[in-house]
């Protein structure tokens, strides 16, 4: 049986929505937006953090302004022999690579989709040669370089 999630109400959902857009807002600003006073709003934010609805608050950086001109999605297929043991090892190794911004285990032809951000094509080549291709148990790698992105958002949709 699936454990029940603690109930959150419309105020909690609205607080989460505000924080997704701008986590730098003060508690009093958030309280004003959602229709609460500051103290109950602060308590709700703290509760949402304690319950794990808010994992962390971070700044979203502009990769291009930081000189990372290339974003790529890399599909990785592990070899059949020892695949079960390789899954965890691959995930551990990839999550330690600073170029990797997301790594997802997927169903389908490939085993993983890895999102990377690098400074230039030479950096991507080094990442592939010294990083992924150097790992044991890799059967196939397919790389797609992003030409442009129409939407990049850390925000999750709100259930209606």
Protein backbone atom coordinates (compact mmCIF):
# COMPACT_ATOMS: atom_id res chain seq x y z
CA UNK A 1 0.00 0.00 0.00
CA UNK A 2 1.29 3.48 -0.89
CA UNK A 3 1.90 5.73 2.12
CA UNK A 4 -0.48 8.68 2.29
CA UNK A 5 1.01 12.10 1.66
CA UNK A 6 0.37 14.74 4.30
CA UNK A 7 -2.46 17.04 3.28
CA UNK A 8 -1.60 20.45 1.93
CA UNK A 9 -4.20 23.07 1.20
CA UNK A 10 -4.73 25.84 -1.33
CA UNK A 11 -2.51 28.25 0.65
CA UNK A 12 0.36 25.73 0.64
CA UNK A 13 -0.05 25.16 -3.09
CA UNK A 14 -0.06 28.89 -3.75
CA UNK A 15 3.09 29.33 -1.60
CA UNK A 16 4.82 26.61 -3.63
CA UNK A 17 3.76 28.32 -6.85
CA UNK A 18 5.19 31.67 -5.70
CA UNK A 19 8.46 30.12 -4.50
CA UNK A 20 8.94 28.27 -7.81
CA UNK A 21 8.82 31.57 -9.66
CA UNK A 22 11.01 33.52 -7.24
CA UNK A 23 12.45 31.92 -4.10
CA UNK A 24 14.16 35.19 -3.17
CA UNK A 25 10.85 36.80 -2.12
CA UNK A 26 10.62 37.62 1.56
CA UNK A 27 8.11 35.86 3.78
CA UNK A 28 6.09 39.07 4.06
CA UNK A 29 5.96 39.40 0.25
CA UNK A 30 4.82 35.78 -0.10
CA UNK A 31 2.26 36.24 2.68
CA UNK A 32 0.83 39.28 0.93
CA UNK A 33 0.55 37.44 -2.40
CA UNK A 34 -1.17 34.37 -0.96
CA UNK A 35 -3.42 36.23 1.48
CA UNK A 36 -1.88 35.32 4.83
CA UNK A 37 -0.07 37.20 7.55
CA UNK A 38 3.69 36.79 7.88
CA UNK A 39 3.85 34.39 10.85
CA UNK A 40 1.43 31.72 9.52
CA UNK A 41 3.07 32.00 6.10
CA UNK A 42 6.53 31.40 7.60
CA UNK A 43 5.18 28.38 9.52
CA UNK A 44 3.69 26.94 6.33
CA UNK A 45 6.94 27.42 4.39
CA UNK A 46 8.87 25.72 7.20
CA UNK A 47 6.32 22.85 7.24
CA UNK A 48 6.62 22.44 3.44
CA UNK A 49 10.41 22.22 3.82
CA UNK A 50 10.17 19.70 6.68
CA UNK A 51 7.73 17.53 4.69
CA UNK A 52 10.04 17.56 1.66
CA UNK A 53 7.79 19.49 -0.71
CA UNK A 54 10.58 22.07 -0.93
CA UNK A 55 13.87 20.24 -1.49
CA UNK A 56 16.09 23.32 -1.64
CA UNK A 57 16.15 26.89 -2.84
CA UNK A 58 18.63 27.68 -5.58
CA UNK A 59 19.48 30.34 -8.13
CA UNK A 60 18.88 29.36 -11.76
CA UNK A 61 21.92 30.44 -13.75
CA UNK A 62 22.12 31.48 -17.39
CA UNK A 63 24.53 28.95 -18.92
CA UNK A 64 25.23 31.10 -21.98
CA UNK A 65 26.22 34.13 -19.89
CA UNK A 66 28.62 31.81 -18.07
CA UNK A 67 30.17 30.81 -21.40
CA UNK A 68 28.58 27.37 -21.64
CA UNK A 69 27.60 27.60 -25.28
CA UNK A 70 26.70 23.94 -25.77
CA UNK A 71 23.92 21.93 -24.18
CA UNK A 72 23.54 18.30 -25.20
CA UNK A 73 21.34 15.32 -24.48
CA UNK A 74 23.32 12.10 -24.45
CA UNK A 75 21.55 8.75 -24.65
CA UNK A 76 23.50 5.88 -23.12
CA UNK A 77 22.93 2.16 -23.54
CA UNK A 78 24.75 -0.22 -21.22
CA UNK A 79 25.98 -3.60 -22.41
CA UNK A 80 23.78 -6.60 -21.63
CA UNK A 81 26.41 -8.40 -19.56
CA UNK A 82 26.10 -7.27 -15.96
CA UNK A 83 23.58 -4.49 -16.74
CA UNK A 84 21.95 -4.74 -13.32
CA UNK A 85 25.26 -4.14 -11.51
CA UNK A 86 26.23 -1.37 -13.96
CA UNK A 87 23.12 0.75 -13.43
CA UNK A 88 24.10 1.96 -9.98
CA UNK A 89 27.77 2.36 -10.84
CA UNK A 90 26.90 4.41 -13.91
CA UNK A 91 24.53 6.66 -11.96
CA UNK A 92 27.11 7.23 -9.22
CA UNK A 93 29.87 8.07 -11.69
CA UNK A 94 27.75 10.38 -13.81
CA UNK A 95 26.32 12.34 -10.88
CA UNK A 96 29.87 13.27 -9.85
CA UNK A 97 30.59 14.86 -13.27
CA UNK A 98 30.16 18.66 -13.04
CA UNK A 99 29.00 18.96 -16.67
CA UNK A 100 25.97 16.77 -15.96
CA UNK A 101 22.83 18.71 -15.01
CA UNK A 102 20.40 15.78 -15.20
CA UNK A 103 20.62 12.00 -15.48
CA UNK A 104 17.49 9.93 -16.00
CA UNK A 105 17.04 6.16 -16.11
CA UNK A 106 14.54 5.61 -18.93
CA UNK A 107 12.48 2.87 -20.51
CA UNK A 108 13.01 2.11 -24.17
CA UNK A 109 15.93 1.44 -26.45
CA UNK A 110 18.46 3.32 -24.31
CA UNK A 111 19.06 3.08 -20.56
CA UNK A 112 19.86 6.69 -19.63
CA UNK A 113 19.44 10.21 -20.92
CA UNK A 114 22.14 12.51 -19.62
CA UNK A 115 21.89 16.28 -19.98
CA UNK A 116 25.18 18.16 -20.08
CA UNK A 117 26.32 21.76 -20.41
CA UNK A 118 29.81 22.47 -21.72
CA UNK A 119 31.82 25.50 -22.85
CA UNK A 120 32.52 24.43 -26.42
CA UNK A 121 32.73 21.45 -28.78
CA UNK A 122 36.23 20.60 -27.52
CA UNK A 123 34.90 20.43 -23.98
CA UNK A 124 32.11 18.11 -25.16
CA UNK A 125 34.65 15.90 -26.95
CA UNK A 126 36.79 15.71 -23.77
CA UNK A 127 33.71 14.91 -21.69
CA UNK A 128 32.76 12.07 -24.02
CA UNK A 129 36.28 10.63 -24.48
CA UNK A 130 37.53 10.95 -20.90
CA UNK A 131 34.17 10.58 -19.19
CA UNK A 132 31.45 8.48 -20.76
CA UNK A 133 33.39 6.50 -23.36
CA UNK A 134 36.02 5.65 -20.74
CA UNK A 135 33.45 4.02 -18.46
CA UNK A 136 33.22 0.21 -18.50
CA UNK A 137 30.04 -1.40 -19.75
CA UNK A 138 28.98 1.27 -22.25
CA UNK A 139 27.54 -0.32 -25.38
CA UNK A 140 26.26 2.73 -27.24
CA UNK A 141 26.18 6.51 -26.94
CA UNK A 142 24.04 8.88 -29.01
CA UNK A 143 24.59 12.61 -28.64
CA UNK A 144 22.16 15.36 -29.65
CA UNK A 145 23.38 18.95 -29.45
CA UNK A 146 20.74 21.54 -28.61
CA UNK A 147 20.40 24.25 -31.27
CA UNK A 148 17.96 26.39 -29.28
CA UNK A 149 15.60 25.98 -26.36
CA UNK A 150 12.13 27.47 -26.28
CA UNK A 151 11.54 26.60 -22.64
CA UNK A 152 13.81 25.74 -19.74
CA UNK A 153 12.09 25.76 -16.37
CA UNK A 154 12.71 24.19 -12.99
CA UNK A 155 9.03 24.79 -12.14
CA UNK A 156 6.60 21.92 -11.82
CA UNK A 157 3.02 22.25 -13.08
CA UNK A 158 0.37 22.66 -10.44
CA UNK A 159 -2.40 20.08 -10.29
CA UNK A 160 -5.73 21.62 -11.23
